C-alpha atoms as a PDB file:
ATOM      1  CA  MET A   1     430.368  53.243 350.406  1.00  0.00           C
ATOM      2  CA  ARG A   2     427.642  50.671 349.815  1.00  0.00           C
ATOM      3  CA  ARG A   3     428.132  48.332 346.876  1.00  0.00           C
ATOM      4  CA  SER A   4     424.777  49.365 345.404  1.00  0.00           C
ATOM      5  CA  THR A   5     425.926  52.987 345.323  1.00  0.00           C
ATOM      6  CA  ALA A   6     429.152  51.976 343.583  1.00  0.00           C
ATOM      7  CA  VAL A   7     427.149  50.067 340.964  1.00  0.00           C
ATOM      8  CA  VAL A   8     425.052  53.171 340.266  1.00  0.00           C
ATOM      9  CA  LEU A   9     428.246  55.208 339.805  1.00  0.00           C
ATOM     10  CA  LEU A  10     429.616  52.601 337.366  1.00  0.00           C
ATOM     11  CA  ILE A  11     426.400  52.716 335.362  1.00  0.00           C
ATOM     12  CA  LEU A  12     426.556  56.520 335.185  1.00  0.00           C
ATOM     13  CA  ALA A  13     430.241  56.443 334.194  1.00  0.00           C
ATOM     14  CA  ASN A  14     429.509  54.164 331.242  1.00  0.00           C
ATOM     15  CA  LEU A  15     426.439  56.187 330.265  1.00  0.00           C
ATOM     16  CA  PHE A  16     428.655  59.276 330.016  1.00  0.00           C
ATOM     17  CA  TRP A  17     431.251  57.355 327.962  1.00  0.00           C
ATOM     18  CA  ALA A  18     428.517  56.230 325.579  1.00  0.00           C
ATOM     19  CA  GLY A  19     427.785  59.911 325.059  1.00  0.00           C
ATOM     20  CA  ASN A  20     431.351  60.303 323.772  1.00  0.00           C
ATOM     21  CA  TYR A  21     430.383  58.224 320.732  1.00  0.00           C
ATOM     22  CA  ILE A  22     427.046  59.939 320.146  1.00  0.00           C
ATOM     23  CA  CYS A  23     428.209  63.483 320.842  1.00  0.00           C
ATOM     24  CA  GLY A  24     431.488  62.973 318.996  1.00  0.00           C
ATOM     25  CA  LYS A  25     429.575  61.960 315.870  1.00  0.00           C
ATOM     26  CA  TYR A  26     427.690  65.264 315.881  1.00  0.00           C
ATOM     27  CA  VAL A  27     430.626  67.511 316.757  1.00  0.00           C
ATOM     28  CA  ILE A  28     432.894  65.920 314.140  1.00  0.00           C
ATOM     29  CA  GLY A  29     430.849  67.697 311.470  1.00  0.00           C
ATOM     30  CA  ALA A  30     431.852  71.092 312.846  1.00  0.00           C
ATOM     31  CA  MET A  31     435.586  70.724 313.487  1.00  0.00           C
ATOM     32  CA  GLU A  32     438.561  68.415 313.087  1.00  0.00           C
ATOM     33  CA  PRO A  33     439.296  65.516 315.487  1.00  0.00           C
ATOM     34  CA  ILE A  34     442.436  67.178 316.861  1.00  0.00           C
ATOM     35  CA  GLN A  35     440.432  70.333 317.605  1.00  0.00           C
ATOM     36  CA  ILE A  36     437.682  68.422 319.401  1.00  0.00           C
ATOM     37  CA  ASN A  37     440.180  66.519 321.495  1.00  0.00           C
ATOM     38  CA  PHE A  38     442.283  69.576 322.362  1.00  0.00           C
ATOM     39  CA  LEU A  39     439.329  71.703 323.468  1.00  0.00           C
ATOM     40  CA  ARG A  40     437.755  68.813 325.358  1.00  0.00           C
ATOM     41  CA  TRP A  41     440.851  68.093 327.420  1.00  0.00           C
ATOM     42  CA  LEU A  42     441.790  71.760 327.863  1.00  0.00           C
ATOM     43  CA  ILE A  43     438.506  72.324 329.687  1.00  0.00           C
ATOM     44  CA  ALA A  44     438.899  69.036 331.560  1.00  0.00           C
ATOM     45  CA  ALA A  45     442.425  69.971 332.717  1.00  0.00           C
ATOM     46  CA  ILE A  46     441.137  73.210 334.224  1.00  0.00           C
ATOM     47  CA  ILE A  47     438.764  71.094 336.308  1.00  0.00           C
ATOM     48  CA  LEU A  48     441.007  68.086 337.018  1.00  0.00           C
ATOM     49  CA  PHE A  49     443.863  69.930 338.747  1.00  0.00           C
ATOM     50  CA  PRO A  50     441.783  71.620 341.470  1.00  0.00           C
ATOM     51  CA  LEU A  51     439.655  68.469 341.732  1.00  0.00           C
ATOM     52  CA  ALA A  52     442.759  66.369 342.370  1.00  0.00           C
ATOM     53  CA  GLN A  53     444.041  68.860 344.916  1.00  0.00           C
ATOM     54  CA  PHE A  54     440.698  68.907 346.731  1.00  0.00           C
ATOM     55  CA  ILE A  55     440.050  65.143 346.756  1.00  0.00           C
ATOM     56  CA  GLU A  56     443.522  63.539 346.743  1.00  0.00           C
ATOM     57  CA  LYS A  57     445.941  66.269 347.862  1.00  0.00           C
ATOM     58  CA  PRO A  58     448.630  64.468 345.842  1.00  0.00           C
ATOM     59  CA  ASP A  59     452.387  64.769 346.018  1.00  0.00           C
ATOM     60  CA  TRP A  60     452.796  66.491 342.647  1.00  0.00           C
ATOM     61  CA  LYS A  61     456.581  66.020 342.634  1.00  0.00           C
ATOM     62  CA  ALA A  62     456.130  62.260 342.973  1.00  0.00           C
ATOM     63  CA  ILE A  63     453.702  62.278 340.056  1.00  0.00           C
ATOM     64  CA  TRP A  64     455.984  64.339 337.812  1.00  0.00           C
ATOM     65  CA  LYS A  65     458.847  61.923 338.518  1.00  0.00           C
ATOM     66  CA  GLU A  66     456.888  59.364 336.483  1.00  0.00           C
ATOM     67  CA  TRP A  67     456.811  61.702 333.489  1.00  0.00           C
ATOM     68  CA  LYS A  68     458.146  59.151 330.997  1.00  0.00           C
ATOM     69  CA  ILE A  69     455.350  56.627 331.451  1.00  0.00           C
ATOM     70  CA  LEU A  70     452.770  59.425 331.753  1.00  0.00           C
ATOM     71  CA  LEU A  71     454.008  60.831 328.448  1.00  0.00           C
ATOM     72  CA  VAL A  72     453.518  57.459 326.752  1.00  0.00           C
ATOM     73  CA  LEU A  73     450.068  57.124 328.306  1.00  0.00           C
ATOM     74  CA  SER A  74     449.126  60.578 327.028  1.00  0.00           C
ATOM     75  CA  VAL A  75     450.007  59.516 323.474  1.00  0.00           C
ATOM     76  CA  LEU A  76     448.127  56.212 323.702  1.00  0.00           C
ATOM     77  CA  GLY A  77     445.087  57.080 325.786  1.00  0.00           C
ATOM     78  CA  ILE A  78     444.372  60.796 325.634  1.00  0.00           C
ATOM     79  CA  ILE A  79     445.534  61.504 322.073  1.00  0.00           C
ATOM     80  CA  GLY A  80     445.591  58.162 320.261  1.00  0.00           C
ATOM     81  CA  TYR A  81     442.348  56.684 321.539  1.00  0.00           C
ATOM     82  CA  ASN A  82     440.222  59.811 321.200  1.00  0.00           C
ATOM     83  CA  VAL A  83     441.596  61.330 317.984  1.00  0.00           C
ATOM     84  CA  LEU A  84     441.389  57.959 316.225  1.00  0.00           C
ATOM     85  CA  LEU A  85     437.852  57.482 317.555  1.00  0.00           C
ATOM     86  CA  TYR A  86     436.748  60.858 316.201  1.00  0.00           C
ATOM     87  CA  GLU A  87     438.435  60.038 312.872  1.00  0.00           C
ATOM     88  CA  ALA A  88     436.484  56.764 312.791  1.00  0.00           C
ATOM     89  CA  LEU A  89     433.221  58.629 313.371  1.00  0.00           C
ATOM     90  CA  TYR A  90     433.766  60.440 310.064  1.00  0.00           C
ATOM     91  CA  PHE A  91     433.196  57.127 308.281  1.00  0.00           C
ATOM     92  CA  THR A  92     431.018  54.971 310.526  1.00  0.00           C
ATOM     93  CA  THR A  93     428.048  55.277 312.859  1.00  0.00           C
ATOM     94  CA  SER A  94     428.313  55.799 316.604  1.00  0.00           C
ATOM     95  CA  LEU A  95     426.699  52.409 317.206  1.00  0.00           C
ATOM     96  CA  ASP A  96     429.010  50.475 314.875  1.00  0.00           C
ATOM     97  CA  ALA A  97     432.023  52.171 316.474  1.00  0.00           C
ATOM     98  CA  ALA A  98     430.809  51.230 319.957  1.00  0.00           C
ATOM     99  CA  LEU A  99     430.066  47.659 318.861  1.00  0.00           C
ATOM    100  CA  ILE A 100     433.554  47.215 317.421  1.00  0.00           C
ATOM    101  CA  ASN A 101     435.134  48.819 320.485  1.00  0.00           C
ATOM    102  CA  SER A 102     433.238  46.433 322.780  1.00  0.00           C
ATOM    103  CA  VAL A 103     435.770  43.725 321.939  1.00  0.00           C
ATOM    104  CA  ASN A 104     438.405  45.765 323.791  1.00  0.00           C
ATOM    105  CA  PRO A 105     438.181  43.945 327.169  1.00  0.00           C
ATOM    106  CA  ALA A 106     438.751  40.647 325.371  1.00  0.00           C
ATOM    107  CA  MET A 107     441.688  42.130 323.457  1.00  0.00           C
ATOM    108  CA  ILE A 108     443.182  43.384 326.719  1.00  0.00           C
ATOM    109  CA  ALA A 109     442.902  39.879 328.165  1.00  0.00           C
ATOM    110  CA  ILE A 110     444.725  38.232 325.256  1.00  0.00           C
ATOM    111  CA  PHE A 111     447.538  40.804 325.249  1.00  0.00           C
ATOM    112  CA  ALA A 112     447.847  40.468 329.028  1.00  0.00           C
ATOM    113  CA  ALA A 113     448.219  36.714 328.565  1.00  0.00           C
ATOM    114  CA  TRP A 114     450.837  37.227 325.854  1.00  0.00           C
ATOM    115  CA  LEU A 115     452.893  40.087 327.303  1.00  0.00           C
ATOM    116  CA  LEU A 116     452.272  39.796 331.045  1.00  0.00           C
ATOM    117  CA  LYS A 117     452.019  35.981 331.116  1.00  0.00           C
ATOM    118  CA  GLU A 118     448.582  36.117 332.693  1.00  0.00           C
ATOM    119  CA  LYS A 119     446.804  32.818 332.135  1.00  0.00           C
ATOM    120  CA  LEU A 120     443.710  32.301 329.994  1.00  0.00           C
ATOM    121  CA  SER A 121     441.564  29.215 330.478  1.00  0.00           C
ATOM    122  CA  LYS A 122     439.862  27.306 327.663  1.00  0.00           C
ATOM    123  CA  VAL A 123     436.648  29.184 328.438  1.00  0.00           C
ATOM    124  CA  ASN A 124     438.505  32.496 328.198  1.00  0.00           C
ATOM    125  CA  SER A 125     439.999  31.497 324.855  1.00  0.00           C
ATOM    126  CA  LEU A 126     436.541  30.525 323.610  1.00  0.00           C
ATOM    127  CA  GLY A 127     435.348  33.962 324.673  1.00  0.00           C
ATOM    128  CA  LEU A 128     437.977  35.609 322.463  1.00  0.00           C
ATOM    129  CA  VAL A 129     436.733  33.657 319.449  1.00  0.00           C
ATOM    130  CA  VAL A 130     433.104  34.473 320.251  1.00  0.00           C
ATOM    131  CA  SER A 131     433.927  38.193 320.605  1.00  0.00           C
ATOM    132  CA  LEU A 132     435.666  38.193 317.234  1.00  0.00           C
ATOM    133  CA  ILE A 133     432.661  36.521 315.620  1.00  0.00           C
ATOM    134  CA  GLY A 134     430.408  39.200 317.117  1.00  0.00           C
ATOM    135  CA  VAL A 135     432.519  42.012 315.663  1.00  0.00           C
ATOM    136  CA  LEU A 136     432.620  40.271 312.273  1.00  0.00           C
ATOM    137  CA  LEU A 137     428.820  40.000 312.328  1.00  0.00           C
ATOM    138  CA  VAL A 138     428.687  43.785 312.653  1.00  0.00           C
ATOM    139  CA  LEU A 139     431.337  44.450 309.995  1.00  0.00           C
ATOM    140  CA  THR A 140     429.835  42.012 307.454  1.00  0.00           C
ATOM    141  CA  HIS A 141     426.232  43.022 308.177  1.00  0.00           C
ATOM    142  CA  GLY A 142     425.461  39.522 309.378  1.00  0.00           C
ATOM    143  CA  ASP A 143     426.997  37.618 306.445  1.00  0.00           C
ATOM    144  CA  LEU A 144     430.193  36.014 307.757  1.00  0.00           C
ATOM    145  CA  LEU A 145     430.944  34.523 304.317  1.00  0.00           C
ATOM    146  CA  GLN A 146     431.716  38.072 303.174  1.00  0.00           C
ATOM    147  CA  VAL A 147     434.541  38.476 305.676  1.00  0.00           C
ATOM    148  CA  PHE A 148     437.293  38.010 303.075  1.00  0.00           C
ATOM    149  CA  VAL A 149     435.646  39.907 300.223  1.00  0.00           C
ATOM    150  CA  ILE A 150     433.886  42.809 301.921  1.00  0.00           C
ATOM    151  CA  LYS A 151     435.380  46.258 301.402  1.00  0.00           C
ATOM    152  CA  TYR A 152     435.942  47.611 304.896  1.00  0.00           C
ATOM    153  CA  ASN A 153     435.596  51.346 305.343  1.00  0.00           C
ATOM    154  CA  ALA A 154     438.197  53.610 306.890  1.00  0.00           C
ATOM    155  CA  GLY A 155     436.165  53.842 310.087  1.00  0.00           C
ATOM    156  CA  ASP A 156     436.618  50.113 310.722  1.00  0.00           C
ATOM    157  CA  LEU A 157     440.392  50.461 310.354  1.00  0.00           C
ATOM    158  CA  PHE A 158     440.488  53.485 312.642  1.00  0.00           C
ATOM    159  CA  MET A 159     438.506  51.537 315.249  1.00  0.00           C
ATOM    160  CA  LEU A 160     441.059  48.723 315.039  1.00  0.00           C
ATOM    161  CA  MET A 161     443.760  51.275 315.881  1.00  0.00           C
ATOM    162  CA  VAL A 162     441.554  52.620 318.690  1.00  0.00           C
ATOM    163  CA  ILE A 163     441.368  49.143 320.229  1.00  0.00           C
ATOM    164  CA  ILE A 164     445.123  48.587 319.943  1.00  0.00           C
ATOM    165  CA  SER A 165     445.860  52.015 321.437  1.00  0.00           C
ATOM    166  CA  TRP A 166     443.566  51.453 324.409  1.00  0.00           C
ATOM    167  CA  THR A 167     444.847  47.920 324.980  1.00  0.00           C
ATOM    168  CA  PHE A 168     448.437  49.075 325.444  1.00  0.00           C
ATOM    169  CA  TYR A 169     447.282  52.097 327.436  1.00  0.00           C
ATOM    170  CA  THR A 170     445.483  49.816 329.888  1.00  0.00           C
ATOM    171  CA  LEU A 171     448.391  47.400 330.218  1.00  0.00           C
ATOM    172  CA  LEU A 172     450.955  50.169 330.732  1.00  0.00           C
ATOM    173  CA  SER A 173     448.756  51.935 333.281  1.00  0.00           C
ATOM    174  CA  LYS A 174     449.546  49.132 335.726  1.00  0.00           C
ATOM    175  CA  LYS A 175     453.001  50.671 336.089  1.00  0.00           C
ATOM    176  CA  ILE A 176     451.538  53.733 337.812  1.00  0.00           C
ATOM    177  CA  LYS A 177     448.820  52.044 339.854  1.00  0.00           C
ATOM    178  CA  ASN A 178     450.293  53.536 343.049  1.00  0.00           C
ATOM    179  CA  LEU A 179     449.834  57.116 341.866  1.00  0.00           C
ATOM    180  CA  PRO A 180     446.650  59.021 342.758  1.00  0.00           C
ATOM    181  CA  PRO A 181     444.491  58.529 339.642  1.00  0.00           C
ATOM    182  CA  ILE A 182     442.980  61.998 339.285  1.00  0.00           C
ATOM    183  CA  GLY A 183     446.300  63.781 339.836  1.00  0.00           C
ATOM    184  CA  ALA A 184     448.142  61.444 337.474  1.00  0.00           C
ATOM    185  CA  THR A 185     445.421  61.880 334.859  1.00  0.00           C
ATOM    186  CA  ALA A 186     445.699  65.670 335.175  1.00  0.00           C
ATOM    187  CA  VAL A 187     449.440  65.477 334.463  1.00  0.00           C
ATOM    188  CA  THR A 188     448.853  63.027 331.601  1.00  0.00           C
ATOM    189  CA  VAL A 189     446.332  65.444 330.104  1.00  0.00           C
ATOM    190  CA  THR A 190     448.881  68.260 330.394  1.00  0.00           C
ATOM    191  CA  PHE A 191     451.373  66.265 328.322  1.00  0.00           C
ATOM    192  CA  SER A 192     448.706  65.517 325.729  1.00  0.00           C
ATOM    193  CA  LEU A 193     447.784  69.197 325.432  1.00  0.00           C
ATOM    194  CA  LEU A 194     451.430  70.172 324.898  1.00  0.00           C
ATOM    195  CA  LEU A 195     451.803  67.492 322.221  1.00  0.00           C
ATOM    196  CA  MET A 196     448.562  68.447 320.468  1.00  0.00           C
ATOM    197  CA  LEU A 197     449.145  72.219 320.613  1.00  0.00           C
ATOM    198  CA  PRO A 198     451.244  72.544 317.386  1.00  0.00           C
ATOM    199  CA  PHE A 199     448.732  70.434 315.440  1.00  0.00           C
ATOM    200  CA  PHE A 200     445.841  72.403 316.907  1.00  0.00           C
ATOM    201  CA  ILE A 201     447.417  75.749 315.945  1.00  0.00           C
ATOM    202  CA  HIS A 202     448.049  74.613 312.363  1.00  0.00           C
ATOM    203  CA  SER A 203     444.658  72.963 311.901  1.00  0.00           C
ATOM    204  CA  ASN A 204     441.841  74.361 309.781  1.00  0.00           C
ATOM    205  CA  PHE A 205     439.860  76.878 311.828  1.00  0.00           C
ATOM    206  CA  ASN A 206     436.993  77.098 309.368  1.00  0.00           C
ATOM    207  CA  TRP A 207     434.582  76.036 312.101  1.00  0.00           C
ATOM    208  CA  SER A 208     430.833  75.848 311.667  1.00  0.00           C
ATOM    209  CA  PHE A 209     430.284  76.652 315.318  1.00  0.00           C
ATOM    210  CA  THR A 210     426.715  76.451 316.590  1.00  0.00           C
ATOM    211  CA  PRO A 211     425.224  76.357 320.092  1.00  0.00           C
ATOM    212  CA  ALA A 212     424.919  72.572 319.641  1.00  0.00           C
ATOM    213  CA  THR A 213     428.660  72.339 318.926  1.00  0.00           C
ATOM    214  CA  THR A 214     429.465  74.359 322.043  1.00  0.00           C
ATOM    215  CA  TYR A 215     427.234  72.179 324.175  1.00  0.00           C
ATOM    216  CA  GLY A 216     428.825  69.107 322.600  1.00  0.00           C
ATOM    217  CA  ILE A 217     432.356  70.173 323.532  1.00  0.00           C
ATOM    218  CA  LEU A 218     431.241  71.046 327.059  1.00  0.00           C
ATOM    219  CA  TYR A 219     429.571  67.653 327.395  1.00  0.00           C
ATOM    220  CA  LEU A 220     432.724  65.838 326.254  1.00  0.00           C
ATOM    221  CA  ALA A 221     434.819  67.821 328.728  1.00  0.00           C
ATOM    222  CA  LEU A 222     432.541  67.586 331.749  1.00  0.00           C
ATOM    223  CA  PHE A 223     430.976  64.147 331.512  1.00  0.00           C
ATOM    224  CA  PRO A 224     433.218  61.553 329.753  1.00  0.00           C
ATOM    225  CA  SER A 225     436.441  63.325 330.758  1.00  0.00           C
ATOM    226  CA  VAL A 226     435.726  64.381 334.353  1.00  0.00           C
ATOM    227  CA  GLY A 227     432.448  62.804 335.483  1.00  0.00           C
ATOM    228  CA  SER A 228     433.143  59.275 334.290  1.00  0.00           C
ATOM    229  CA  LEU A 229     436.696  59.406 335.598  1.00  0.00           C
ATOM    230  CA  LEU A 230     435.596  60.505 339.055  1.00  0.00           C
ATOM    231  CA  PHE A 231     432.728  58.006 339.330  1.00  0.00           C
ATOM    232  CA  TRP A 232     434.918  55.180 338.012  1.00  0.00           C
ATOM    233  CA  ASN A 233     437.735  55.817 340.450  1.00  0.00           C
ATOM    234  CA  ILE A 234     435.326  56.000 343.385  1.00  0.00           C
ATOM    235  CA  ALA A 235     433.503  52.792 342.444  1.00  0.00           C
ATOM    236  CA  VAL A 236     436.355  50.493 341.360  1.00  0.00           C
ATOM    237  CA  PRO A 237     437.903  50.074 344.849  1.00  0.00           C
ATOM    238  CA  VAL A 238     434.454  49.058 346.126  1.00  0.00           C
ATOM    239  CA  VAL A 239     433.530  46.425 343.519  1.00  0.00           C
ATOM    240  CA  GLY A 240     437.019  45.476 342.259  1.00  0.00           C
ATOM    241  CA  ALA A 241     438.648  46.156 338.886  1.00  0.00           C
ATOM    242  CA  SER A 242     437.731  42.826 337.272  1.00  0.00           C
ATOM    243  CA  HIS A 243     434.033  43.197 338.126  1.00  0.00           C
ATOM    244  CA  ALA A 244     434.032  46.846 337.097  1.00  0.00           C
ATOM    245  CA  GLY A 245     435.507  45.884 333.722  1.00  0.00           C
ATOM    246  CA  ILE A 246     432.354  43.953 332.853  1.00  0.00           C
ATOM    247  CA  PHE A 247     430.375  47.201 333.158  1.00  0.00           C
ATOM    248  CA  LEU A 248     432.291  48.572 330.147  1.00  0.00           C
ATOM    249  CA  ASN A 249     429.907  46.558 327.961  1.00  0.00           C
ATOM    250  CA  LEU A 250     427.200  49.019 328.972  1.00  0.00           C
ATOM    251  CA  ILE A 251     428.830  51.582 326.670  1.00  0.00           C
ATOM    252  CA  THR A 252     427.544  49.617 323.680  1.00  0.00           C
ATOM    253  CA  VAL A 253     424.108  49.129 325.253  1.00  0.00           C
ATOM    254  CA  PHE A 254     423.720  52.818 326.100  1.00  0.00           C
ATOM    255  CA  THR A 255     424.996  53.883 322.668  1.00  0.00           C
ATOM    256  CA  ALA A 256     422.332  51.704 321.049  1.00  0.00           C
ATOM    257  CA  ILE A 257     419.581  53.092 323.290  1.00  0.00           C
ATOM    258  CA  ILE A 258     420.606  56.722 322.729  1.00  0.00           C
ATOM    259  CA  SER A 259     420.864  56.121 318.958  1.00  0.00           C
ATOM    260  CA  ILE A 260     417.295  54.793 318.901  1.00  0.00           C
ATOM    261  CA  LEU A 261     416.017  57.710 321.002  1.00  0.00           C
ATOM    262  CA  LEU A 262     417.646  60.134 318.558  1.00  0.00           C
ATOM    263  CA  GLY A 263     415.844  58.468 315.668  1.00  0.00           C
ATOM    264  CA  ASN A 264     418.767  56.484 314.280  1.00  0.00           C
ATOM    265  CA  GLY A 265     417.854  53.006 313.081  1.00  0.00           C
ATOM    266  CA  ILE A 266     419.291  49.798 314.486  1.00  0.00           C
ATOM    267  CA  ASP A 267     419.526  46.595 312.445  1.00  0.00           C
ATOM    268  CA  LEU A 268     419.115  42.992 313.509  1.00  0.00           C
ATOM    269  CA  PHE A 269     422.759  42.163 312.728  1.00  0.00           C
ATOM    270  CA  GLN A 270     423.865  44.974 315.061  1.00  0.00           C
ATOM    271  CA  ILE A 271     421.712  43.603 317.880  1.00  0.00           C
ATOM    272  CA  VAL A 272     422.888  40.017 317.352  1.00  0.00           C
ATOM    273  CA  GLY A 273     426.519  41.046 316.868  1.00  0.00           C
ATOM    274  CA  GLY A 274     426.464  43.185 319.994  1.00  0.00           C
ATOM    275  CA  LEU A 275     424.992  40.391 322.105  1.00  0.00           C
ATOM    276  CA  VAL A 276     427.582  37.930 320.768  1.00  0.00           C
ATOM    277  CA  VAL A 277     430.412  40.343 321.615  1.00  0.00           C
ATOM    278  CA  ILE A 278     429.087  40.849 325.149  1.00  0.00           C
ATOM    279  CA  LEU A 279     428.838  37.068 325.621  1.00  0.00           C
ATOM    280  CA  GLY A 280     432.409  36.680 324.380  1.00  0.00           C
ATOM    281  CA  VAL A 281     433.736  39.364 326.692  1.00  0.00           C
ATOM    282  CA  TYR A 282     431.942  37.746 329.620  1.00  0.00           C
ATOM    283  CA  LEU A 283     433.550  34.380 328.838  1.00  0.00           C
ATOM    284  CA  THR A 284     436.959  35.996 328.356  1.00  0.00           C
ATOM    285  CA  ASN A 285     436.817  37.668 331.769  1.00  0.00           C
ATOM    286  CA  LYS A 286     435.224  34.767 333.634  1.00  0.00           C
ATOM    287  CA  LYS A 287     437.784  34.097 336.355  1.00  0.00           C
ATOM    288  CA  SER A 288     440.313  34.553 333.623  1.00  0.00           C
ATOM    289  CA  VAL A 289     443.240  36.326 335.185  1.00  0.00           C
ATOM    290  CA  LYS A 290     444.784  35.742 338.551  1.00  0.00           C
ATOM    291  CA  LYS A 291     446.071  39.296 338.555  1.00  0.00           C
ATOM    292  CA  SER A 292     443.341  41.316 336.922  1.00  0.00           C
ATOM    293  CA  VAL A 293     444.245  44.020 334.470  1.00  0.00           C
ATOM    294  CA  ASN A 294     443.828  47.477 335.955  1.00  0.00           C
ATOM    295  CA  HIS A 295     440.833  49.157 334.301  1.00  0.00           C
ATOM    296  CA  GLU A 296     441.035  52.314 336.370  1.00  0.00           C
ATOM    297  CA  TRP A 297     442.358  54.515 333.586  1.00  0.00           C
ATOM    298  CA  ILE A 298     439.598  55.313 331.197  1.00  0.00           C
ATOM    299  CA  SER A 299     439.334  58.342 328.953  1.00  0.00           C
END
């Protein structure tokens, strides 16, 4: 595959992931986070298994032998990341959630340096500080002096848990880097569905289902869950994981653009904060890690 084609696939993958924030914000008004996540991944699982068989023809027994780590990944990445994100969208805007989440690559780098002993240069360390400042600009609405007195909303705290969940998910995913990604993801999704099933059954089924809600669930299942995964896994071997990781910043950019197109306002502090975060992430990942963190597992 040509590198230019891989770049296009990476752009599309991140565009679809941006839709997770926008679409999730709308669907969250119709049903609970656990219900959104269960239905989304139930549909995705129906697609992922035959897709894996067609593209990868995996050794399913070999994949199931790694059930312990796949179980942990299902809790962190499929359940934790997404349910917490949808909880956050109850209290905050799609754009603010995406802006806060954009610090994730920098957070992954610092935890990789701490837990995996991967080295960070002075420039990388500066990038971490810059990223944090960018997030604080968003949280404090541009007034950094309010950082210790501002009353943070629940959405900000949920997004902090989202970042932590995805950080450990990414680091642990290195342990299964030799497994076929689509097949392993299908099994991981199966574990997550089994774990979510009791909570789904006992959740409140007083749904305000509309055609828009149905389309929203289908979008979440087909595009962020399946489309982005497939495009990402095709493109990463071509451009490399470290270079592909930089494209994750497009999630914030696309979320901002879609928000504007839908008539949602965007403030100066959000623009400045987002640009500062992107600069920080760039510095953090600038030739930062000799063994780059595997970014191939995205939900």
